[in-house]
Amino acid sequence: MNLKFRLSLMNFLEFAVWGAYLTCMGNYLGVAGLGDKISWFYAIQGIVSIFMPTLMGIVADKYIQPQRLLGLCHLLAGAFMLGCWWMGMQAGFGNELPNKTAFIAVYTLSVAFFMPTIALANTTAFTILKNNGLDTVKDFPPIRVLGTVGFIATMWFVNCAVWQDGSFSMTLADSAHKFQYTYMQFFVSGILSLVLFAYCFTLPECKVEKKAEKKSLAESLGLNAFKLFKRKQMALFFIFSALLGMCLQVTNGYAGPFITSFKGSADAAVASSFAANNATLLTSISQISEALCILMIPFFLKRYGIKVVMLMSMFAWVFRFGFFGVGNPAMPGVIFFILSCIVYGVAFDFFNVSGGIFVDQECEPSIKASAQGLFMMMTNGIGATVGTLAAGEIVNKYCTWENGFLIGEWQTCWFIFAAFALVVGVSFALVFKPEKK
């Protein structure tokens, strides 16, 4: 089987696992009695990303081949995700969870093993490509784009899939039994994780480099990746990665509840609009844009360099939040929602994907997996944790749950987020000066 196809399928499954619940989980949490804890569920992903990707990167650098470790992590992540589904099913449709603490604990264990897989998937792809004489800058983006396709596929599936009275169906019509509103989204994610676990053990070997020379304790633990902070350029890159990472989970956590909240509007045209009743499908435009933008990265990265590419990402976040602030699900307001989803591709990809490539190019082979883990720690770890919790405080201040909908001064929230992204972008333009080679 073609090597690029095999890596593309790996990426498809990797992000399909995440897409099943990431953008619609907030709607279910509101039903389950955890609506005021939405920010914490997304912050948990950030908290575990502070240390788990780095630890797993160390293991992949020193002890276990990355593709095998990727599979083992998915085995555990999938098993715990199925545990979330089981607890939701036991509580019953439309009911609050009787043991919310246990649900949070099992969810935490699932994401603790899932979050390192993003960096491990990158390491696996980069290593296999290089072992076969391929160019990562040229050949990786088309492979990575299949990950976005996988994310979109499961978003569409959970948006339309309905499980009611023991039968399965697909519909775009409004239904409270859609997977996007229920615990069934966790079932889809868990099953796909187990499929990827099995698939990882069919991938080519990525042999761990064994070296006989003596190493310091820091080198043995893989902590020498932190020496990248000694270089001013890399230190600034990681700091701004954390600041930009504060934006990453805001729309994942709140775009769904925000758009769905319009179902509670007194305006019948708004409440019955297609967008308000298919929030997950609408926000999937973001991932379609992401898929297209990934293919543009090699051109922009080679022509303009990392600084311009990251600046484009930062200012795209300003428009991402700003368009949500001025839009609504009915015409013509829905056009702003669509524009917000379109610019998301630049906001997310021009930072995450090009950042991963930049880190891979800037560090030596012995710490590549650890460095990818460090990048994940700064973005999806420290940055996303602080940003998501701060966003949660802002949303909880201006909005409240009423009759199953998160209602309030959403425009104020989105404009606050846009202002933050603008300040980060301007600061980065003034401070970051990449090394000329």
Protein backbone atom coordinates (compact mmCIF):
# COMPACT_ATOMS: atom_id res chain seq x y z
CA MET A 1 0.00 0.00 0.00
CA ASN A 2 1.26 3.52 -0.84
CA LEU A 3 3.22 5.01 2.09
CA LYS A 4 1.61 8.45 1.87
CA PHE A 5 -1.85 6.87 1.79
CA ARG A 6 -1.07 4.87 4.93
CA LEU A 7 0.07 7.98 6.78
CA SER A 8 -2.97 9.88 5.48
CA LEU A 9 -5.27 7.18 6.87
CA MET A 10 -3.46 7.41 10.21
CA ASN A 11 -4.11 11.16 10.30
CA PHE A 12 -7.73 10.67 9.19
CA LEU A 13 -8.42 8.39 12.16
CA GLU A 14 -6.36 10.52 14.58
CA PHE A 15 -8.52 13.59 14.11
CA ALA A 16 -11.77 11.72 13.50
CA VAL A 17 -11.46 10.59 17.13
CA TRP A 18 -11.32 14.22 18.25
CA GLY A 19 -13.92 15.59 15.87
CA ALA A 20 -16.63 13.30 17.25
CA TYR A 21 -16.98 15.35 20.43
CA LEU A 22 -14.67 18.38 20.51
CA THR A 23 -17.03 20.98 19.00
CA CYS A 24 -20.36 19.61 20.27
CA MET A 25 -19.49 18.35 23.76
CA GLY A 26 -20.72 21.60 25.33
CA ASN A 27 -24.30 20.94 24.25
CA TYR A 28 -24.33 17.54 26.00
CA LEU A 29 -22.68 18.92 29.14
CA GLY A 30 -25.52 21.42 29.48
CA VAL A 31 -28.06 18.58 29.40
CA ALA A 32 -25.98 16.48 31.82
CA GLY A 33 -25.94 19.20 34.47
CA LEU A 34 -22.37 20.28 33.78
CA GLY A 35 -23.05 23.39 31.70
CA ASP A 36 -21.19 25.71 34.08
CA LYS A 37 -18.15 23.42 33.82
CA ILE A 38 -17.71 23.56 30.03
CA SER A 39 -14.52 25.60 30.31
CA TRP A 40 -13.08 23.03 32.73
CA PHE A 41 -13.66 20.16 30.30
CA TYR A 42 -11.64 21.99 27.66
CA ALA A 43 -9.11 23.18 30.23
CA ILE A 44 -8.54 19.56 31.25
CA GLN A 45 -7.23 18.95 27.74
CA GLY A 46 -4.81 21.80 28.31
CA ILE A 47 -3.79 20.70 31.80
CA VAL A 48 -2.84 17.18 30.70
CA SER A 49 -1.07 18.68 27.67
CA ILE A 50 1.32 20.47 30.03
CA PHE A 51 3.06 17.22 30.90
CA MET A 52 1.64 14.21 29.00
CA PRO A 53 2.90 15.05 25.46
CA THR A 54 6.35 15.82 26.85
CA LEU A 55 6.45 12.58 28.88
CA MET A 56 5.25 10.50 25.96
CA GLY A 57 7.73 12.29 23.70
CA ILE A 58 10.51 11.22 26.06
CA VAL A 59 9.28 7.61 25.93
CA ALA A 60 9.14 7.75 22.13
CA ASP A 61 12.64 9.24 21.91
CA LYS A 62 14.19 6.72 24.31
CA TYR A 63 12.22 3.53 24.72
CA ILE A 64 9.17 2.75 22.51
CA GLN A 65 8.81 3.33 18.79
CA PRO A 66 6.46 6.33 18.29
CA GLN A 67 3.94 4.53 16.07
CA ARG A 68 3.54 1.77 18.68
CA LEU A 69 3.23 4.25 21.54
CA LEU A 70 0.64 6.11 19.46
CA GLY A 71 -1.42 2.92 19.26
CA LEU A 72 -1.14 2.13 22.98
CA CYS A 73 -2.25 5.64 23.91
CA HIS A 74 -5.30 5.28 21.70
CA LEU A 75 -6.16 1.96 23.30
CA LEU A 76 -6.37 3.61 26.71
CA ALA A 77 -7.98 6.83 25.47
CA GLY A 78 -10.67 4.87 23.61
CA ALA A 79 -11.42 2.61 26.56
CA PHE A 80 -11.94 5.56 28.92
CA MET A 81 -14.01 7.45 26.34
CA LEU A 82 -16.31 4.45 26.09
CA GLY A 83 -16.55 4.70 29.88
CA CYS A 84 -17.98 8.23 29.46
CA TRP A 85 -20.51 6.88 26.98
CA TRP A 86 -21.48 4.10 29.38
CA MET A 87 -22.10 6.51 32.27
CA GLY A 88 -24.19 8.76 30.05
CA MET A 89 -26.23 5.80 28.82
CA GLN A 90 -26.80 4.59 32.38
CA ALA A 91 -28.10 8.03 33.36
CA GLY A 92 -30.50 7.97 30.43
CA PHE A 93 -31.30 10.39 27.63
CA GLY A 94 -31.97 13.97 28.73
CA ASN A 95 -31.07 13.29 32.36
CA GLU A 96 -28.38 14.77 34.57
CA LEU A 97 -25.45 12.51 35.42
CA PRO A 98 -25.86 11.07 38.93
CA ASN A 99 -22.10 10.90 39.51
CA LYS A 100 -20.58 13.93 37.86
CA THR A 101 -17.23 13.52 39.63
CA ALA A 102 -16.73 10.01 38.22
CA PHE A 103 -17.64 11.24 34.72
CA ILE A 104 -15.08 14.06 34.93
CA ALA A 105 -12.42 11.63 36.21
CA VAL A 106 -12.95 9.12 33.38
CA TYR A 107 -13.03 11.91 30.79
CA THR A 108 -9.76 13.28 32.22
CA LEU A 109 -8.06 9.89 31.86
CA SER A 110 -9.25 9.63 28.26
CA VAL A 111 -7.89 13.00 27.17
CA ALA A 112 -4.70 12.44 29.20
CA PHE A 113 -3.84 9.63 26.81
CA PHE A 114 -5.33 11.25 23.70
CA MET A 115 -3.55 14.63 23.79
CA PRO A 116 -0.02 13.15 23.42
CA THR A 117 -1.15 11.33 20.27
CA ILE A 118 -1.25 14.56 18.25
CA ALA A 119 2.50 15.09 18.72
CA LEU A 120 3.18 11.34 18.38
CA ALA A 121 1.29 11.26 15.08
CA ASN A 122 3.47 14.15 13.83
CA THR A 123 6.65 12.41 14.98
CA THR A 124 5.58 9.14 13.35
CA ALA A 125 4.77 10.84 10.04
CA PHE A 126 7.97 12.93 9.99
CA THR A 127 10.15 9.91 10.83
CA ILE A 128 8.60 7.59 8.24
CA LEU A 129 8.77 10.25 5.55
CA LYS A 130 12.44 10.97 6.26
CA ASN A 131 13.31 7.27 6.45
CA ASN A 132 11.96 6.95 2.93
CA GLY A 133 13.74 10.01 1.54
CA LEU A 134 10.71 12.29 1.36
CA ASP A 135 10.50 16.04 2.10
CA THR A 136 8.48 16.87 5.24
CA VAL A 137 7.73 20.46 4.17
CA LYS A 138 6.39 19.34 0.80
CA ASP A 139 4.88 15.95 1.62
CA PHE A 140 3.51 16.33 5.16
CA PRO A 141 0.77 18.99 4.60
CA PRO A 142 -1.18 16.86 2.04
CA ILE A 143 -0.99 13.96 4.52
CA ARG A 144 -2.07 16.14 7.45
CA VAL A 145 -5.03 17.47 5.48
CA LEU A 146 -6.63 14.02 5.68
CA GLY A 147 -6.69 14.52 9.45
CA THR A 148 -8.92 17.53 8.94
CA VAL A 149 -11.10 15.51 6.56
CA GLY A 150 -11.49 12.91 9.33
CA PHE A 151 -12.42 15.62 11.82
CA ILE A 152 -15.07 16.95 9.41
CA ALA A 153 -16.44 13.47 8.68
CA THR A 154 -17.21 12.73 12.33
CA MET A 155 -18.58 16.26 12.89
CA TRP A 156 -21.06 15.70 10.07
CA PHE A 157 -21.87 12.23 11.34
CA VAL A 158 -22.68 13.27 14.92
CA ASN A 159 -24.60 16.31 13.64
CA CYS A 160 -26.96 14.12 11.59
CA ALA A 161 -26.94 10.78 13.43
CA VAL A 162 -29.96 10.02 15.64
CA TRP A 163 -30.40 7.15 18.11
CA GLN A 164 -33.97 6.90 19.34
CA ASP A 165 -35.98 3.99 20.75
CA GLY A 166 -33.31 1.48 19.79
CA SER A 167 -33.11 2.55 16.14
CA PHE A 168 -30.53 4.56 14.16
CA SER A 169 -31.25 7.20 11.51
CA MET A 170 -29.68 10.24 9.82
CA THR A 171 -31.41 13.61 9.51
CA LEU A 172 -30.80 17.35 9.18
CA ALA A 173 -34.12 18.11 10.85
CA ASP A 174 -34.17 19.28 14.47
CA SER A 175 -34.06 16.39 16.94
CA ALA A 176 -33.05 16.32 20.59
CA HIS A 177 -31.79 12.75 20.05
CA LYS A 178 -29.02 13.76 17.65
CA PHE A 179 -25.58 12.52 18.68
CA GLN A 180 -24.38 16.15 18.92
CA TYR A 181 -26.68 16.64 21.93
CA THR A 182 -26.18 13.22 23.59
CA TYR A 183 -23.61 10.84 25.08
CA MET A 184 -23.46 8.93 21.76
CA GLN A 185 -20.73 11.28 20.54
CA PHE A 186 -18.39 9.65 23.08
CA PHE A 187 -19.26 6.20 21.72
CA VAL A 188 -18.20 7.23 18.20
CA SER A 189 -14.91 8.66 19.50
CA GLY A 190 -14.10 5.61 21.63
CA ILE A 191 -14.69 3.10 18.84
CA LEU A 192 -12.52 5.06 16.39
CA SER A 193 -9.70 5.19 18.98
CA LEU A 194 -9.72 1.39 19.21
CA VAL A 195 -9.62 1.11 15.41
CA LEU A 196 -6.58 3.40 15.29
CA PHE A 197 -4.91 1.37 18.05
CA ALA A 198 -5.01 -1.69 15.82
CA TYR A 199 -3.97 0.22 12.69
CA CYS A 200 -0.86 1.76 14.30
CA PHE A 201 0.73 -1.67 14.64
CA THR A 202 0.63 -2.10 10.84
CA LEU A 203 2.75 1.02 10.19
CA PRO A 204 6.47 0.89 9.23
CA GLU A 205 9.01 0.83 12.06
CA CYS A 206 10.42 4.08 13.48
CA LYS A 207 13.41 2.64 15.28
CA VAL A 208 14.54 4.30 18.49
CA GLU A 209 18.13 5.54 18.22
CA LYS A 210 20.36 3.72 20.73
CA LYS A 211 23.52 5.55 21.79
CA ALA A 212 26.27 4.09 23.92
CA GLU A 213 27.76 7.32 25.27
CA LYS A 214 27.07 8.47 28.82
CA LYS A 215 24.25 10.93 29.26
CA SER A 216 23.32 13.38 31.93
CA LEU A 217 20.15 12.87 33.96
CA ALA A 218 18.43 15.64 31.97
CA GLU A 219 19.33 13.94 28.68
CA SER A 220 18.19 10.55 29.96
CA LEU A 221 14.80 12.02 30.87
CA GLY A 222 14.52 13.90 27.60
CA LEU A 223 14.49 17.25 29.43
CA ASN A 224 17.23 18.62 27.19
CA ALA A 225 14.48 19.76 24.81
CA PHE A 226 14.05 22.66 27.23
CA LYS A 227 17.51 23.91 26.23
CA LEU A 228 15.75 25.38 23.19
CA PHE A 229 14.69 28.20 25.52
CA LYS A 230 18.35 29.33 25.62
CA ARG A 231 17.94 30.56 22.05
CA LYS A 232 16.12 33.89 22.03
CA GLN A 233 14.22 33.07 18.84
CA MET A 234 12.95 29.74 20.15
CA ALA A 235 12.12 31.20 23.58
CA LEU A 236 9.99 33.91 21.97
CA PHE A 237 8.44 31.38 19.61
CA PHE A 238 7.33 29.17 22.52
CA ILE A 239 6.09 32.13 24.60
CA PHE A 240 3.94 33.45 21.78
CA SER A 241 2.85 29.88 21.03
CA ALA A 242 1.40 29.79 24.55
CA LEU A 243 -0.28 33.20 24.10
CA LEU A 244 -1.81 32.19 20.79
CA GLY A 245 -2.70 28.83 22.27
CA MET A 246 -5.05 30.71 24.61
CA CYS A 247 -7.35 31.15 21.60
CA LEU A 248 -7.36 27.53 20.44
CA GLN A 249 -10.17 26.00 22.50
CA VAL A 250 -12.43 29.02 22.93
CA THR A 251 -14.59 28.42 19.86
CA ASN A 252 -14.36 24.64 20.25
CA GLY A 253 -15.93 24.99 23.67
CA TYR A 254 -18.42 27.78 23.08
CA ALA A 255 -19.26 28.08 19.36
CA GLY A 256 -21.73 25.17 19.63
CA PRO A 257 -23.61 26.42 22.71
CA PHE A 258 -23.50 29.97 21.30
CA ILE A 259 -25.07 29.08 17.93
CA THR A 260 -27.52 26.61 19.52
CA SER A 261 -28.62 29.29 22.00
CA PHE A 262 -30.44 31.05 19.17
CA LYS A 263 -32.99 28.21 19.29
CA GLY A 264 -34.28 29.97 22.40
CA SER A 265 -34.76 33.27 20.56
CA ALA A 266 -38.16 34.97 20.58
CA ASP A 267 -37.70 35.58 16.83
CA ALA A 268 -39.21 32.52 15.14
CA ALA A 269 -37.08 32.97 12.00
CA VAL A 270 -33.90 32.88 14.06
CA ALA A 271 -35.02 30.03 16.36
CA SER A 272 -36.05 27.78 13.46
CA SER A 273 -33.08 28.64 11.21
CA PHE A 274 -30.95 25.86 9.75
CA ALA A 275 -27.80 27.19 11.44
CA ALA A 276 -29.30 27.28 14.94
CA ASN A 277 -30.45 23.67 14.63
CA ASN A 278 -27.27 22.34 12.98
CA ALA A 279 -24.49 24.10 14.87
CA THR A 280 -22.02 21.23 14.45
CA LEU A 281 -22.61 21.10 10.69
CA LEU A 282 -22.19 24.87 10.38
CA THR A 283 -18.96 24.96 12.37
CA SER A 284 -17.57 22.14 10.20
CA ILE A 285 -16.99 24.83 7.57
CA SER A 286 -14.08 25.79 9.83
CA GLN A 287 -12.51 22.39 9.26
CA ILE A 288 -13.18 22.50 5.50
CA SER A 289 -11.31 25.80 5.43
CA GLU A 290 -8.61 24.19 7.55
CA ALA A 291 -8.20 21.37 5.01
CA LEU A 292 -7.71 23.85 2.17
CA CYS A 293 -5.36 26.10 4.15
CA ILE A 294 -3.05 23.23 5.05
CA LEU A 295 -2.25 22.81 1.36
CA MET A 296 -1.15 26.47 1.19
CA ILE A 297 1.35 26.18 4.05
CA PRO A 298 4.41 25.00 2.03
CA PHE A 299 4.06 28.01 -0.29
CA PHE A 300 3.61 30.59 2.47
CA LEU A 301 6.23 29.07 4.78
CA LYS A 302 8.93 28.91 2.10
CA ARG A 303 8.10 32.30 0.60
CA TYR A 304 7.42 34.39 3.71
CA GLY A 305 8.87 32.49 6.68
CA ILE A 306 7.54 31.59 10.10
CA LYS A 307 6.99 35.18 11.33
CA VAL A 308 4.62 36.23 8.56
CA VAL A 309 2.78 32.91 8.68
CA MET A 310 2.22 33.20 12.44
CA LEU A 311 1.14 36.85 12.09
CA MET A 312 -1.46 35.81 9.55
CA SER A 313 -2.71 33.26 12.07
CA MET A 314 -2.89 35.78 14.90
CA PHE A 315 -4.87 38.35 12.95
CA ALA A 316 -7.14 35.62 11.58
CA TRP A 317 -8.12 34.92 15.21
CA VAL A 318 -9.20 38.56 15.52
CA PHE A 319 -11.64 38.09 12.63
CA ARG A 320 -12.67 34.61 13.85
CA PHE A 321 -13.97 36.07 17.12
CA GLY A 322 -15.13 39.38 15.65
CA PHE A 323 -17.38 37.81 13.00
CA PHE A 324 -19.07 35.68 15.67
CA GLY A 325 -19.73 38.88 17.60
CA VAL A 326 -21.63 40.59 14.77
CA GLY A 327 -23.45 37.55 13.29
CA ASN A 328 -26.63 35.56 13.92
CA PRO A 329 -28.12 32.37 12.38
CA ALA A 330 -30.67 34.12 10.11
CA MET A 331 -29.89 35.92 6.85
CA PRO A 332 -27.89 38.08 6.42
CA GLY A 333 -26.23 37.58 9.83
CA VAL A 334 -25.35 33.97 9.09
CA ILE A 335 -22.88 35.24 6.46
CA PHE A 336 -20.67 36.50 9.30
CA PHE A 337 -20.79 33.04 10.90
CA ILE A 338 -19.65 31.53 7.60
CA LEU A 339 -16.86 34.11 7.26
CA SER A 340 -15.73 33.31 10.81
CA CYS A 341 -15.52 29.64 9.87
CA ILE A 342 -13.58 30.41 6.69
CA VAL A 343 -10.86 32.45 8.45
CA TYR A 344 -10.51 29.69 11.07
CA GLY A 345 -8.46 27.68 8.58
CA VAL A 346 -5.77 30.34 8.53
CA ALA A 347 -6.06 30.94 12.29
CA PHE A 348 -5.54 27.30 13.23
CA ASP A 349 -3.35 25.79 10.49
CA PHE A 350 -0.92 28.61 9.85
CA PHE A 351 0.01 28.31 13.52
CA ASN A 352 -0.34 24.65 14.50
CA VAL A 353 0.91 22.87 11.38
CA SER A 354 3.62 25.34 10.36
CA GLY A 355 4.70 25.56 14.00
CA GLY A 356 5.20 21.79 14.12
CA ILE A 357 7.26 21.93 10.93
CA PHE A 358 9.30 24.87 12.29
CA VAL A 359 10.11 22.99 15.52
CA ASP A 360 11.10 19.89 13.54
CA GLN A 361 13.52 21.97 11.44
CA GLU A 362 15.02 23.86 14.37
CA CYS A 363 16.01 20.98 16.69
CA GLU A 364 18.44 18.09 16.46
CA PRO A 365 17.24 14.52 15.76
CA SER A 366 17.79 13.21 19.29
CA ILE A 367 15.16 15.57 20.79
CA LYS A 368 12.64 15.90 17.97
CA ALA A 369 9.83 13.98 19.69
CA SER A 370 10.53 15.78 22.99
CA ALA A 371 10.52 19.14 21.19
CA GLN A 372 7.16 18.38 19.56
CA GLY A 373 5.87 17.49 23.02
CA LEU A 374 7.22 20.80 24.35
CA PHE A 375 5.43 22.67 21.56
CA MET A 376 2.21 20.87 22.47
CA MET A 377 2.77 21.72 26.15
CA MET A 378 3.08 25.43 25.42
CA THR A 379 0.09 25.59 23.04
CA ASN A 380 -2.49 22.97 23.98
CA GLY A 381 -1.12 22.81 27.53
CA ILE A 382 -0.29 26.09 29.24
CA GLY A 383 -1.85 28.36 26.62
CA ALA A 384 -5.10 26.47 26.12
CA THR A 385 -5.58 25.91 29.86
CA VAL A 386 -5.20 29.56 30.82
CA GLY A 387 -7.19 30.75 27.80
CA THR A 388 -10.08 28.33 28.25
CA LEU A 389 -10.48 29.02 31.97
CA ALA A 390 -10.33 32.78 31.33
CA ALA A 391 -12.88 32.44 28.54
CA GLY A 392 -15.11 30.38 30.85
CA GLU A 393 -15.04 33.12 33.48
CA ILE A 394 -15.97 35.72 30.86
CA VAL A 395 -18.81 33.64 29.41
CA ASN A 396 -20.16 32.71 32.86
CA LYS A 397 -20.14 36.40 33.78
CA TYR A 398 -22.13 37.56 30.78
CA CYS A 399 -24.24 34.43 30.01
CA THR A 400 -26.37 31.94 31.96
CA TRP A 401 -28.11 28.64 31.19
CA GLU A 402 -31.86 29.09 30.69
CA ASN A 403 -34.16 26.25 29.55
CA GLY A 404 -31.20 24.31 28.19
CA PHE A 405 -29.67 27.26 26.28
CA LEU A 406 -26.69 29.44 27.18
CA ILE A 407 -28.21 32.91 26.87
CA GLY A 408 -26.61 36.32 27.45
CA GLU A 409 -24.37 39.09 26.13
CA TRP A 410 -22.43 36.97 23.68
CA GLN A 411 -21.32 39.94 21.59
CA THR A 412 -19.35 41.36 24.51
CA CYS A 413 -17.62 38.01 25.04
CA TRP A 414 -16.56 37.65 21.41
CA PHE A 415 -15.24 41.22 21.22
CA ILE A 416 -13.14 40.68 24.37
CA PHE A 417 -11.58 37.57 22.78
CA ALA A 418 -10.93 39.48 19.52
CA ALA A 419 -9.20 42.32 21.39
CA PHE A 420 -6.87 39.86 23.11
CA ALA A 421 -5.85 38.26 19.80
CA LEU A 422 -5.18 41.72 18.35
CA VAL A 423 -2.84 42.66 21.22
CA VAL A 424 -0.93 39.36 20.85
CA GLY A 425 -0.56 39.87 17.09
CA VAL A 426 0.76 43.41 17.35
CA SER A 427 3.20 42.41 20.12
CA PHE A 428 4.51 39.47 18.08
CA ALA A 429 5.09 41.70 15.05
CA LEU A 430 7.20 44.07 17.16
CA VAL A 431 9.20 41.53 19.19
CA PHE A 432 9.81 38.34 17.18
CA LYS A 433 12.77 38.50 14.79
CA PRO A 434 13.60 35.13 13.19
CA GLU A 435 17.21 34.16 12.55
CA LYS A 436 18.34 34.55 8.96
CA LYS A 437 19.94 31.43 7.45
